[in-house]
Amino acid sequence: MFPAGGARGGRATVLAVPRRRVIGWRQHRVPVTVCVRHGGAETKGPPSVASRDGDRAVALSRQLARTHAELRRQIREIRKGLGQRRLSDDVLRTHCLAFCTALTSHHRGEDDGLFSQLLRERPDLAPTITKLVEDHGLIASILSRVGELADRAVEPRGSALEEIGRELDGLAAIMESHFAYEERTIGEALDAGEPHPAWADTVFGIGR
């Protein structure tokens, strides 16, 4: 259980859990004109461990940071490979598909599992979770555009590589801000919760 901090008058108000539809790849065409949000949060390494469970092998906050690190690695590899790829193969498309699937799965697990539980147990975190869910919507729109451009790049005379690079640059910027903000604001609450929550495999599976 997460400690119900922040409830006024000692009463924990259970908020209705928002249910957000996950945005599909082909449902949006949103160009990237994104700046770093949340005050330009900087990554400062994995958050400190605040777990009360001495038997837990790896605190949940560290698992979250590890998953984010893996997603950062994947997008770096895609961006690095843009200038090395032949238009006649579909390596870029395959890598984009794997990355977009992994990031979408991570955010779906947070929206449907992690954030739902946090809202029940920590209603004081509602403003923070609202910002994170908004980021998920924006990121999903960018992923949709990246998927479309990757499809175009493998077509005869495909010329989408520069556009993909710009989209990935914008995506990397908002991912960095989003991940750092989430680790800073959610990490301690994660470590105070259950050692093996039901949503953990979906949210953390990417970094294992």
N, C-alpha and C. Protein backbone atom coordinates (compact mmCIF):
# COMPACT_ATOMS: atom_id res chain seq x y z
N MET A 1 0.84 -1.20 0.00
CA MET A 1 0.00 0.00 0.00
C MET A 1 0.88 1.25 0.00
N PHE A 2 0.45 2.28 -0.74
CA PHE A 2 1.15 3.55 -0.72
C PHE A 2 0.59 4.40 0.41
N PRO A 3 1.43 5.11 1.19
CA PRO A 3 0.92 5.97 2.25
C PRO A 3 0.08 7.07 1.66
N ALA A 4 -1.10 7.30 2.24
CA ALA A 4 -2.04 8.29 1.70
C ALA A 4 -1.70 9.68 2.21
N GLY A 5 -0.60 10.22 1.73
CA GLY A 5 -0.18 11.54 2.17
C GLY A 5 -0.94 12.61 1.43
N GLY A 6 -1.08 13.78 2.07
CA GLY A 6 -1.65 14.94 1.40
C GLY A 6 -3.14 15.07 1.52
N ALA A 7 -3.87 14.13 2.15
CA ALA A 7 -5.31 14.25 2.27
C ALA A 7 -5.65 15.24 3.36
N ARG A 8 -6.53 16.19 3.10
CA ARG A 8 -6.86 17.20 4.08
C ARG A 8 -7.75 16.62 5.17
N GLY A 9 -7.54 17.16 6.41
CA GLY A 9 -8.38 16.74 7.53
C GLY A 9 -8.19 15.29 7.90
N GLY A 10 -7.07 14.68 7.44
CA GLY A 10 -6.82 13.29 7.80
C GLY A 10 -7.66 12.30 7.03
N ARG A 11 -8.44 12.78 6.07
CA ARG A 11 -9.31 11.87 5.31
C ARG A 11 -8.75 11.70 3.92
N ALA A 12 -8.54 10.46 3.50
CA ALA A 12 -8.01 10.18 2.18
C ALA A 12 -9.16 10.09 1.19
N THR A 13 -9.22 11.04 0.27
CA THR A 13 -10.28 11.05 -0.73
C THR A 13 -9.84 10.21 -1.92
N VAL A 14 -10.61 9.21 -2.27
CA VAL A 14 -10.27 8.34 -3.39
C VAL A 14 -10.78 8.98 -4.66
N LEU A 15 -9.88 9.33 -5.55
CA LEU A 15 -10.27 9.96 -6.79
C LEU A 15 -10.69 8.92 -7.81
N ALA A 16 -11.57 9.33 -8.68
CA ALA A 16 -11.94 8.44 -9.78
C ALA A 16 -10.73 8.26 -10.67
N VAL A 17 -10.43 7.03 -11.03
CA VAL A 17 -9.25 6.75 -11.81
C VAL A 17 -9.52 7.08 -13.27
N PRO A 18 -8.75 8.00 -13.86
CA PRO A 18 -8.99 8.33 -15.26
C PRO A 18 -8.61 7.18 -16.16
N ARG A 19 -9.45 6.89 -17.12
CA ARG A 19 -9.17 5.85 -18.08
C ARG A 19 -8.85 6.52 -19.41
N ARG A 20 -7.64 6.39 -19.88
CA ARG A 20 -7.24 7.06 -21.10
C ARG A 20 -7.00 6.06 -22.20
N ARG A 21 -7.59 6.32 -23.34
CA ARG A 21 -7.40 5.45 -24.48
C ARG A 21 -5.99 5.63 -25.02
N VAL A 22 -5.30 4.51 -25.24
CA VAL A 22 -3.95 4.58 -25.77
C VAL A 22 -4.02 4.98 -27.23
N ILE A 23 -3.22 5.95 -27.61
CA ILE A 23 -3.25 6.47 -28.96
C ILE A 23 -2.50 5.55 -29.89
N GLY A 24 -3.13 5.12 -30.95
CA GLY A 24 -2.50 4.22 -31.91
C GLY A 24 -1.55 4.95 -32.83
N TRP A 25 -0.70 4.19 -33.51
CA TRP A 25 0.31 4.77 -34.38
C TRP A 25 -0.28 5.61 -35.49
N ARG A 26 -1.36 5.11 -36.12
CA ARG A 26 -1.84 5.76 -37.33
C ARG A 26 -2.98 6.74 -37.06
N GLN A 27 -3.26 7.06 -35.81
CA GLN A 27 -4.41 7.88 -35.49
C GLN A 27 -4.10 9.37 -35.47
N HIS A 28 -2.83 9.75 -35.52
CA HIS A 28 -2.48 11.16 -35.43
C HIS A 28 -1.34 11.48 -36.38
N ARG A 29 -1.33 12.72 -36.82
CA ARG A 29 -0.22 13.25 -37.61
C ARG A 29 0.19 14.58 -36.96
N VAL A 30 1.01 14.49 -35.95
CA VAL A 30 1.37 15.69 -35.20
C VAL A 30 2.85 15.97 -35.40
N PRO A 31 3.21 17.08 -36.10
CA PRO A 31 4.63 17.40 -36.26
C PRO A 31 5.24 17.76 -34.93
N VAL A 32 6.53 17.56 -34.80
CA VAL A 32 7.21 17.82 -33.54
C VAL A 32 7.64 19.28 -33.49
N THR A 33 7.04 20.02 -32.56
CA THR A 33 7.48 21.39 -32.26
C THR A 33 7.53 21.48 -30.75
N VAL A 34 8.38 20.63 -30.16
CA VAL A 34 8.32 20.38 -28.74
C VAL A 34 9.53 20.98 -28.05
N CYS A 35 9.33 21.58 -26.90
CA CYS A 35 10.44 22.02 -26.07
C CYS A 35 10.42 21.22 -24.79
N VAL A 36 11.54 21.23 -24.06
CA VAL A 36 11.63 20.45 -22.84
C VAL A 36 10.67 21.01 -21.81
N ARG A 37 9.87 20.12 -21.21
CA ARG A 37 8.85 20.56 -20.28
C ARG A 37 9.30 20.36 -18.84
N HIS A 38 8.40 20.75 -17.93
CA HIS A 38 8.60 20.56 -16.48
C HIS A 38 9.87 21.25 -15.99
N GLY A 39 10.13 22.43 -16.52
CA GLY A 39 11.26 23.21 -16.03
C GLY A 39 12.60 22.69 -16.46
N GLY A 40 12.63 21.88 -17.53
CA GLY A 40 13.92 21.40 -18.03
C GLY A 40 14.61 20.50 -17.05
N ALA A 41 13.88 19.54 -16.50
CA ALA A 41 14.47 18.66 -15.50
C ALA A 41 15.66 17.91 -16.09
N GLU A 42 16.70 17.78 -15.30
CA GLU A 42 17.89 17.10 -15.75
C GLU A 42 17.98 15.74 -15.09
N THR A 43 18.54 14.79 -15.85
CA THR A 43 18.75 13.47 -15.29
C THR A 43 19.91 13.50 -14.31
N LYS A 44 19.70 12.98 -13.14
CA LYS A 44 20.75 12.97 -12.12
C LYS A 44 21.04 11.56 -11.64
N GLY A 45 20.84 10.58 -12.54
CA GLY A 45 21.09 9.20 -12.17
C GLY A 45 19.90 8.60 -11.47
N PRO A 46 19.96 7.30 -11.16
CA PRO A 46 18.84 6.63 -10.48
C PRO A 46 18.51 7.28 -9.17
N PRO A 47 17.21 7.40 -8.84
CA PRO A 47 16.83 8.01 -7.57
C PRO A 47 17.28 7.19 -6.39
N SER A 48 17.35 7.84 -5.25
CA SER A 48 17.76 7.12 -4.05
C SER A 48 16.71 6.11 -3.64
N VAL A 49 17.15 5.04 -3.01
CA VAL A 49 16.25 3.97 -2.60
C VAL A 49 15.64 4.31 -1.26
N ALA A 50 14.30 4.32 -1.20
CA ALA A 50 13.61 4.64 0.04
C ALA A 50 12.73 3.49 0.48
N SER A 51 13.04 2.29 0.02
CA SER A 51 12.19 1.13 0.29
C SER A 51 12.23 0.74 1.76
N ARG A 52 11.05 0.36 2.27
CA ARG A 52 10.95 -0.16 3.63
C ARG A 52 11.07 -1.67 3.66
N ASP A 53 11.15 -2.30 2.50
CA ASP A 53 11.21 -3.75 2.40
C ASP A 53 12.66 -4.16 2.23
N GLY A 54 13.28 -4.63 3.32
CA GLY A 54 14.69 -4.97 3.27
C GLY A 54 15.00 -6.16 2.40
N ASP A 55 14.00 -6.98 2.08
CA ASP A 55 14.21 -8.18 1.28
C ASP A 55 14.07 -7.90 -0.22
N ARG A 56 13.67 -6.71 -0.59
CA ARG A 56 13.47 -6.42 -2.00
C ARG A 56 14.82 -6.32 -2.69
N ALA A 57 15.00 -7.08 -3.78
CA ALA A 57 16.30 -7.11 -4.45
C ALA A 57 16.63 -5.76 -5.09
N VAL A 58 15.68 -5.19 -5.80
CA VAL A 58 15.88 -3.90 -6.45
C VAL A 58 14.66 -3.04 -6.20
N ALA A 59 14.84 -1.86 -5.62
CA ALA A 59 13.72 -0.98 -5.34
C ALA A 59 13.00 -0.60 -6.62
N LEU A 60 11.70 -0.36 -6.51
CA LEU A 60 10.90 -0.05 -7.68
C LEU A 60 11.37 1.22 -8.38
N SER A 61 11.80 2.22 -7.62
CA SER A 61 12.29 3.45 -8.25
C SER A 61 13.50 3.17 -9.12
N ARG A 62 14.37 2.27 -8.70
CA ARG A 62 15.54 1.92 -9.49
C ARG A 62 15.16 1.11 -10.72
N GLN A 63 14.14 0.28 -10.60
CA GLN A 63 13.66 -0.45 -11.76
C GLN A 63 13.08 0.50 -12.81
N LEU A 64 12.37 1.53 -12.34
CA LEU A 64 11.83 2.53 -13.25
C LEU A 64 12.97 3.25 -13.98
N ALA A 65 13.99 3.66 -13.23
CA ALA A 65 15.13 4.35 -13.84
C ALA A 65 15.85 3.45 -14.84
N ARG A 66 15.95 2.17 -14.51
CA ARG A 66 16.62 1.22 -15.42
C ARG A 66 15.84 1.07 -16.71
N THR A 67 14.52 1.01 -16.61
CA THR A 67 13.67 0.91 -17.80
C THR A 67 13.82 2.15 -18.66
N HIS A 68 13.81 3.32 -18.04
CA HIS A 68 13.99 4.56 -18.79
C HIS A 68 15.36 4.58 -19.48
N ALA A 69 16.38 4.09 -18.81
CA ALA A 69 17.72 4.06 -19.41
C ALA A 69 17.74 3.18 -20.66
N GLU A 70 17.02 2.08 -20.63
CA GLU A 70 16.97 1.19 -21.79
C GLU A 70 16.24 1.86 -22.96
N LEU A 71 15.16 2.57 -22.67
CA LEU A 71 14.44 3.28 -23.73
C LEU A 71 15.30 4.40 -24.32
N ARG A 72 16.06 5.08 -23.48
CA ARG A 72 16.99 6.09 -23.98
C ARG A 72 18.02 5.45 -24.91
N ARG A 73 18.52 4.29 -24.52
CA ARG A 73 19.52 3.59 -25.34
C ARG A 73 18.94 3.24 -26.70
N GLN A 74 17.70 2.76 -26.71
CA GLN A 74 17.09 2.35 -27.97
C GLN A 74 16.94 3.52 -28.93
N ILE A 75 16.47 4.65 -28.44
CA ILE A 75 16.30 5.80 -29.35
C ILE A 75 17.65 6.34 -29.81
N ARG A 76 18.68 6.28 -28.96
CA ARG A 76 20.01 6.69 -29.40
C ARG A 76 20.51 5.81 -30.54
N GLU A 77 20.26 4.51 -30.45
CA GLU A 77 20.71 3.59 -31.48
C GLU A 77 20.01 3.86 -32.80
N ILE A 78 18.71 4.16 -32.74
CA ILE A 78 17.97 4.47 -33.97
C ILE A 78 18.53 5.74 -34.61
N ARG A 79 18.73 6.77 -33.80
CA ARG A 79 19.23 8.04 -34.33
C ARG A 79 20.64 7.86 -34.92
N LYS A 80 21.46 7.07 -34.26
CA LYS A 80 22.82 6.82 -34.74
C LYS A 80 22.80 6.09 -36.08
N GLY A 81 21.84 5.19 -36.23
CA GLY A 81 21.79 4.38 -37.44
C GLY A 81 21.20 5.06 -38.65
N LEU A 82 20.64 6.25 -38.48
CA LEU A 82 19.99 6.91 -39.62
C LEU A 82 20.95 7.17 -40.77
N GLY A 83 22.16 7.56 -40.46
CA GLY A 83 23.12 7.88 -41.51
C GLY A 83 23.86 6.68 -42.05
N GLN A 84 23.63 5.50 -41.48
CA GLN A 84 24.37 4.31 -41.87
C GLN A 84 23.52 3.31 -42.65
N ARG A 85 22.23 3.60 -42.75
CA ARG A 85 21.29 2.63 -43.28
C ARG A 85 21.12 2.76 -44.79
N ARG A 86 20.88 1.64 -45.49
CA ARG A 86 20.56 1.63 -46.91
C ARG A 86 19.05 1.70 -47.08
N LEU A 87 18.60 2.51 -48.02
CA LEU A 87 17.16 2.64 -48.25
C LEU A 87 16.54 1.34 -48.75
N SER A 88 17.36 0.42 -49.24
CA SER A 88 16.81 -0.82 -49.79
C SER A 88 16.45 -1.85 -48.71
N ASP A 89 16.84 -1.61 -47.46
CA ASP A 89 16.48 -2.58 -46.43
C ASP A 89 15.45 -1.98 -45.48
N ASP A 90 14.97 -2.81 -44.54
CA ASP A 90 13.93 -2.33 -43.62
C ASP A 90 14.40 -2.35 -42.18
N VAL A 91 15.71 -2.22 -41.98
CA VAL A 91 16.26 -2.24 -40.62
C VAL A 91 15.69 -1.11 -39.79
N LEU A 92 15.66 0.09 -40.35
CA LEU A 92 15.14 1.23 -39.61
C LEU A 92 13.70 1.01 -39.21
N ARG A 93 12.89 0.54 -40.13
CA ARG A 93 11.48 0.30 -39.82
C ARG A 93 11.32 -0.72 -38.71
N THR A 94 12.12 -1.77 -38.75
CA THR A 94 12.04 -2.81 -37.72
C THR A 94 12.43 -2.25 -36.36
N HIS A 95 13.50 -1.47 -36.32
CA HIS A 95 13.95 -0.89 -35.05
C HIS A 95 12.94 0.12 -34.52
N CYS A 96 12.37 0.93 -35.42
CA CYS A 96 11.37 1.89 -34.99
C CYS A 96 10.15 1.18 -34.43
N LEU A 97 9.73 0.10 -35.08
CA LEU A 97 8.59 -0.66 -34.60
C LEU A 97 8.84 -1.21 -33.20
N ALA A 98 10.04 -1.78 -32.99
CA ALA A 98 10.36 -2.36 -31.68
C ALA A 98 10.38 -1.28 -30.60
N PHE A 99 11.00 -0.15 -30.91
CA PHE A 99 11.09 0.93 -29.93
C PHE A 99 9.71 1.49 -29.62
N CYS A 100 8.92 1.78 -30.66
CA CYS A 100 7.60 2.37 -30.45
C CYS A 100 6.71 1.42 -29.66
N THR A 101 6.82 0.13 -29.94
CA THR A 101 6.03 -0.86 -29.20
C THR A 101 6.44 -0.89 -27.73
N ALA A 102 7.76 -0.85 -27.47
CA ALA A 102 8.25 -0.89 -26.10
C ALA A 102 7.81 0.33 -25.31
N LEU A 103 7.95 1.51 -25.90
CA LEU A 103 7.58 2.74 -25.19
C LEU A 103 6.07 2.81 -24.97
N THR A 104 5.29 2.41 -25.97
CA THR A 104 3.83 2.40 -25.82
C THR A 104 3.40 1.43 -24.72
N SER A 105 4.01 0.24 -24.69
CA SER A 105 3.68 -0.74 -23.66
C SER A 105 4.01 -0.22 -22.26
N HIS A 106 5.16 0.44 -22.13
CA HIS A 106 5.57 1.02 -20.85
C HIS A 106 4.55 2.05 -20.37
N HIS A 107 4.14 2.94 -21.24
CA HIS A 107 3.18 3.97 -20.85
C HIS A 107 1.79 3.41 -20.62
N ARG A 108 1.40 2.39 -21.37
CA ARG A 108 0.10 1.76 -21.12
C ARG A 108 0.08 1.12 -19.73
N GLY A 109 1.18 0.46 -19.37
CA GLY A 109 1.25 -0.14 -18.05
C GLY A 109 1.18 0.89 -16.94
N GLU A 110 1.78 2.05 -17.17
CA GLU A 110 1.69 3.12 -16.17
C GLU A 110 0.27 3.67 -16.07
N ASP A 111 -0.35 3.95 -17.22
CA ASP A 111 -1.69 4.54 -17.21
C ASP A 111 -2.72 3.60 -16.58
N ASP A 112 -2.65 2.33 -16.95
CA ASP A 112 -3.69 1.38 -16.53
C ASP A 112 -3.39 0.70 -15.20
N GLY A 113 -2.13 0.73 -14.76
CA GLY A 113 -1.77 0.03 -13.54
C GLY A 113 -1.16 0.92 -12.48
N LEU A 114 0.08 1.37 -12.73
CA LEU A 114 0.81 2.17 -11.75
C LEU A 114 0.05 3.42 -11.35
N PHE A 115 -0.37 4.25 -12.32
CA PHE A 115 -1.02 5.51 -11.98
C PHE A 115 -2.38 5.29 -11.34
N SER A 116 -3.09 4.26 -11.78
CA SER A 116 -4.39 3.97 -11.18
C SER A 116 -4.24 3.65 -9.70
N GLN A 117 -3.23 2.86 -9.36
CA GLN A 117 -3.01 2.51 -7.95
C GLN A 117 -2.55 3.72 -7.16
N LEU A 118 -1.67 4.51 -7.75
CA LEU A 118 -1.20 5.70 -7.04
C LEU A 118 -2.35 6.66 -6.75
N LEU A 119 -3.25 6.82 -7.68
CA LEU A 119 -4.38 7.72 -7.45
C LEU A 119 -5.28 7.23 -6.32
N ARG A 120 -5.41 5.92 -6.19
CA ARG A 120 -6.22 5.37 -5.10
C ARG A 120 -5.56 5.60 -3.75
N GLU A 121 -4.25 5.42 -3.70
CA GLU A 121 -3.55 5.46 -2.43
C GLU A 121 -2.91 6.82 -2.12
N ARG A 122 -2.62 7.60 -3.16
CA ARG A 122 -1.96 8.90 -2.97
C ARG A 122 -2.67 9.96 -3.80
N PRO A 123 -3.87 10.38 -3.39
CA PRO A 123 -4.59 11.39 -4.17
C PRO A 123 -3.85 12.72 -4.27
N ASP A 124 -2.91 12.97 -3.38
CA ASP A 124 -2.12 14.20 -3.46
C ASP A 124 -1.22 14.24 -4.70
N LEU A 125 -1.00 13.09 -5.32
CA LEU A 125 -0.18 13.03 -6.52
C LEU A 125 -0.98 13.26 -7.80
N ALA A 126 -2.25 13.56 -7.68
CA ALA A 126 -3.10 13.73 -8.87
C ALA A 126 -2.56 14.77 -9.86
N PRO A 127 -2.12 15.97 -9.41
CA PRO A 127 -1.59 16.94 -10.39
C PRO A 127 -0.37 16.42 -11.14
N THR A 128 0.51 15.73 -10.43
CA THR A 128 1.69 15.16 -11.06
C THR A 128 1.31 14.11 -12.09
N ILE A 129 0.40 13.23 -11.73
CA ILE A 129 -0.02 12.16 -12.64
C ILE A 129 -0.72 12.74 -13.86
N THR A 130 -1.49 13.80 -13.66
CA THR A 130 -2.15 14.44 -14.80
C THR A 130 -1.12 14.93 -15.82
N LYS A 131 -0.03 15.54 -15.34
CA LYS A 131 1.02 16.01 -16.25
C LYS A 131 1.68 14.84 -16.98
N LEU A 132 1.92 13.75 -16.27
CA LEU A 132 2.57 12.60 -16.88
C LEU A 132 1.68 11.97 -17.95
N VAL A 133 0.37 11.88 -17.68
CA VAL A 133 -0.55 11.31 -18.65
C VAL A 133 -0.64 12.20 -19.89
N GLU A 134 -0.61 13.52 -19.69
CA GLU A 134 -0.60 14.43 -20.83
C GLU A 134 0.64 14.20 -21.70
N ASP A 135 1.77 14.02 -21.06
CA ASP A 135 2.99 13.71 -21.80
C ASP A 135 2.83 12.43 -22.62
N HIS A 136 2.20 11.42 -22.02
CA HIS A 136 2.00 10.16 -22.73
C HIS A 136 1.22 10.37 -24.02
N GLY A 137 0.21 11.23 -23.96
CA GLY A 137 -0.58 11.51 -25.15
C GLY A 137 0.26 12.16 -26.24
N LEU A 138 1.09 13.13 -25.85
CA LEU A 138 1.95 13.80 -26.81
C LEU A 138 2.97 12.84 -27.41
N ILE A 139 3.58 12.04 -26.56
CA ILE A 139 4.58 11.07 -27.02
C ILE A 139 3.94 10.07 -27.98
N ALA A 140 2.72 9.62 -27.69
CA ALA A 140 2.04 8.67 -28.58
C ALA A 140 1.81 9.28 -29.96
N SER A 141 1.50 10.57 -30.00
CA SER A 141 1.30 11.24 -31.28
C SER A 141 2.60 11.28 -32.09
N ILE A 142 3.71 11.54 -31.41
CA ILE A 142 5.01 11.56 -32.10
C ILE A 142 5.36 10.16 -32.60
N LEU A 143 5.09 9.14 -31.79
CA LEU A 143 5.37 7.77 -32.21
C LEU A 143 4.57 7.41 -33.45
N SER A 144 3.33 7.91 -33.53
CA SER A 144 2.52 7.67 -34.72
C SER A 144 3.20 8.23 -35.96
N ARG A 145 3.72 9.45 -35.84
CA ARG A 145 4.39 10.09 -36.95
C ARG A 145 5.67 9.35 -37.32
N VAL A 146 6.44 8.92 -36.33
CA VAL A 146 7.67 8.18 -36.59
C VAL A 146 7.35 6.88 -37.34
N GLY A 147 6.29 6.19 -36.92
CA GLY A 147 5.92 4.95 -37.60
C GLY A 147 5.56 5.18 -39.05
N GLU A 148 4.83 6.24 -39.35
CA GLU A 148 4.46 6.56 -40.73
C GLU A 148 5.69 6.89 -41.57
N LEU A 149 6.60 7.67 -41.01
CA LEU A 149 7.81 8.04 -41.74
C LEU A 149 8.71 6.83 -41.98
N ALA A 150 8.77 5.91 -41.01
CA ALA A 150 9.57 4.70 -41.19
C ALA A 150 9.01 3.85 -42.31
N ASP A 151 7.69 3.79 -42.43
CA ASP A 151 7.08 3.06 -43.54
C ASP A 151 7.45 3.69 -44.88
N ARG A 152 7.45 5.02 -44.93
CA ARG A 152 7.78 5.73 -46.17
C ARG A 152 9.23 5.54 -46.56
N ALA A 153 10.10 5.42 -45.56
CA ALA A 153 11.53 5.36 -45.83
C ALA A 153 11.93 4.09 -46.58
N VAL A 154 11.16 3.02 -46.44
CA VAL A 154 11.52 1.76 -47.11
C VAL A 154 10.85 1.63 -48.47
N GLU A 155 10.02 2.58 -48.84
CA GLU A 155 9.40 2.56 -50.16
C GLU A 155 10.42 2.99 -51.21
N PRO A 156 10.20 2.60 -52.48
CA PRO A 156 11.10 3.08 -53.55
C PRO A 156 11.18 4.60 -53.54
N ARG A 157 12.38 5.11 -53.65
CA ARG A 157 12.64 6.54 -53.63
C ARG A 157 12.20 7.18 -52.31
N GLY A 158 12.22 6.41 -51.26
CA GLY A 158 11.85 6.95 -49.96
C GLY A 158 12.79 8.09 -49.56
N SER A 159 12.24 9.15 -49.00
CA SER A 159 13.06 10.32 -48.66
C SER A 159 12.67 10.87 -47.29
N ALA A 160 12.38 9.98 -46.36
CA ALA A 160 11.87 10.42 -45.07
C ALA A 160 12.91 10.44 -43.97
N LEU A 161 14.16 10.12 -44.29
CA LEU A 161 15.16 9.97 -43.22
C LEU A 161 15.39 11.26 -42.45
N GLU A 162 15.49 12.39 -43.15
CA GLU A 162 15.71 13.65 -42.44
C GLU A 162 14.52 13.99 -41.55
N GLU A 163 13.32 13.73 -42.03
CA GLU A 163 12.13 13.99 -41.21
C GLU A 163 12.11 13.10 -39.98
N ILE A 164 12.49 11.83 -40.16
CA ILE A 164 12.56 10.93 -39.00
C ILE A 164 13.56 11.45 -37.98
N GLY A 165 14.70 11.93 -38.46
CA GLY A 165 15.70 12.48 -37.55
C GLY A 165 15.16 13.63 -36.73
N ARG A 166 14.42 14.52 -37.38
CA ARG A 166 13.85 15.66 -36.64
C ARG A 166 12.82 15.20 -35.62
N GLU A 167 11.99 14.25 -36.02
CA GLU A 167 10.98 13.74 -35.09
C GLU A 167 11.63 13.06 -33.89
N LEU A 168 12.68 12.28 -34.14
CA LEU A 168 13.38 11.60 -33.05
C LEU A 168 14.09 12.57 -32.13
N ASP A 169 14.62 13.66 -32.69
CA ASP A 169 15.26 14.66 -31.84
C ASP A 169 14.24 15.28 -30.89
N GLY A 170 13.06 15.62 -31.41
CA GLY A 170 12.01 16.18 -30.55
C GLY A 170 11.52 15.17 -29.54
N LEU A 171 11.38 13.92 -29.98
CA LEU A 171 10.93 12.87 -29.07
C LEU A 171 11.95 12.64 -27.96
N ALA A 172 13.22 12.62 -28.31
CA ALA A 172 14.26 12.41 -27.29
C ALA A 172 14.24 13.52 -26.25
N ALA A 173 13.98 14.75 -26.68
CA ALA A 173 13.95 15.87 -25.74
C ALA A 173 12.81 15.74 -24.74
N ILE A 174 11.61 15.43 -25.23
CA ILE A 174 10.49 15.33 -24.31
C ILE A 174 10.59 14.07 -23.46
N MET A 175 11.14 13.00 -24.01
CA MET A 175 11.36 11.79 -23.20
C MET A 175 12.29 12.08 -22.03
N GLU A 176 13.37 12.80 -22.30
CA GLU A 176 14.34 13.09 -21.24
C GLU A 176 13.70 13.88 -20.11
N SER A 177 12.95 14.93 -20.46
CA SER A 177 12.28 15.73 -19.44
C SER A 177 11.23 14.91 -18.70
N HIS A 178 10.45 14.14 -19.45
CA HIS A 178 9.38 13.33 -18.87
C HIS A 178 9.94 12.29 -17.91
N PHE A 179 10.96 11.57 -18.34
CA PHE A 179 11.53 10.52 -17.50
C PHE A 179 12.14 11.10 -16.21
N ALA A 180 12.89 12.18 -16.34
CA ALA A 180 13.51 12.78 -15.15
C ALA A 180 12.46 13.27 -14.17
N TYR A 181 11.41 13.90 -14.68
CA TYR A 181 10.32 14.40 -13.83
C TYR A 181 9.62 13.24 -13.13
N GLU A 182 9.37 12.18 -13.85
CA GLU A 182 8.68 11.03 -13.27
C GLU A 182 9.52 10.36 -12.20
N GLU A 183 10.80 10.18 -12.47
CA GLU A 183 11.67 9.54 -11.48
C GLU A 183 11.76 10.38 -10.21
N ARG A 184 11.79 11.69 -10.36
CA ARG A 184 11.92 12.57 -9.20
C ARG A 184 10.64 12.61 -8.37
N THR A 185 9.48 12.61 -9.02
CA THR A 185 8.23 12.82 -8.30
C THR A 185 7.54 11.53 -7.88
N ILE A 186 7.80 10.44 -8.59
CA ILE A 186 7.08 9.19 -8.33
C ILE A 186 7.94 8.16 -7.60
N GLY A 187 9.26 8.31 -7.66
CA GLY A 187 10.17 7.30 -7.14
C GLY A 187 9.93 6.92 -5.69
N GLU A 188 9.80 7.91 -4.80
CA GLU A 188 9.64 7.61 -3.38
C GLU A 188 8.33 6.89 -3.11
N ALA A 189 7.26 7.30 -3.81
CA ALA A 189 5.97 6.62 -3.63
C ALA A 189 6.05 5.18 -4.11
N LEU A 190 6.80 4.92 -5.17
CA LEU A 190 6.96 3.55 -5.65
C LEU A 190 7.63 2.67 -4.59
N ASP A 191 8.67 3.20 -3.97
CA ASP A 191 9.41 2.40 -3.01
C ASP A 191 8.62 2.12 -1.74
N ALA A 192 7.59 2.92 -1.47
CA ALA A 192 6.76 2.70 -0.28
C ALA A 192 5.63 1.72 -0.55
N GLY A 193 5.50 1.23 -1.80
CA GLY A 193 4.38 0.38 -2.16
C GLY A 193 4.68 -1.11 -2.03
N GLU A 194 3.84 -1.89 -2.70
CA GLU A 194 4.00 -3.34 -2.67
C GLU A 194 5.28 -3.75 -3.40
N PRO A 195 5.98 -4.78 -2.90
CA PRO A 195 7.23 -5.18 -3.54
C PRO A 195 7.04 -5.81 -4.92
N HIS A 196 5.89 -6.42 -5.19
CA HIS A 196 5.66 -7.06 -6.48
C HIS A 196 4.25 -6.74 -6.98
N PRO A 197 4.01 -5.49 -7.36
CA PRO A 197 2.68 -5.11 -7.81
C PRO A 197 2.32 -5.77 -9.13
N ALA A 198 1.02 -5.87 -9.41
CA ALA A 198 0.55 -6.59 -10.59
C ALA A 198 1.00 -5.94 -11.89
N TRP A 199 1.22 -4.62 -11.87
CA TRP A 199 1.57 -3.91 -13.10
C TRP A 199 3.07 -3.90 -13.38
N ALA A 200 3.88 -4.48 -12.51
CA ALA A 200 5.33 -4.32 -12.60
C ALA A 200 5.91 -4.89 -13.90
N ASP A 201 5.45 -6.04 -14.35
CA ASP A 201 6.04 -6.65 -15.55
C ASP A 201 5.85 -5.78 -16.77
N THR A 202 4.68 -5.15 -16.90
CA THR A 202 4.43 -4.29 -18.06
C THR A 202 5.26 -3.02 -17.99
N VAL A 203 5.33 -2.42 -16.81
CA VAL A 203 6.02 -1.14 -16.67
C VAL A 203 7.53 -1.30 -16.69
N PHE A 204 8.05 -2.35 -16.05
CA PHE A 204 9.49 -2.51 -15.90
C PHE A 204 10.12 -3.54 -16.83
N GLY A 205 9.31 -4.31 -17.55
CA GLY A 205 9.84 -5.43 -18.33
C GLY A 205 10.86 -5.04 -19.37
N ILE A 206 10.80 -3.80 -19.86
CA ILE A 206 11.69 -3.35 -20.92
C ILE A 206 13.13 -3.27 -20.44
N GLY A 207 13.31 -2.92 -19.17
CA GLY A 207 14.66 -2.71 -18.66
C GLY A 207 15.32 -3.94 -18.11
N ARG A 208 14.68 -5.10 -18.25
CA ARG A 208 15.26 -6.31 -17.65
C ARG A 208 16.11 -7.08 -18.66
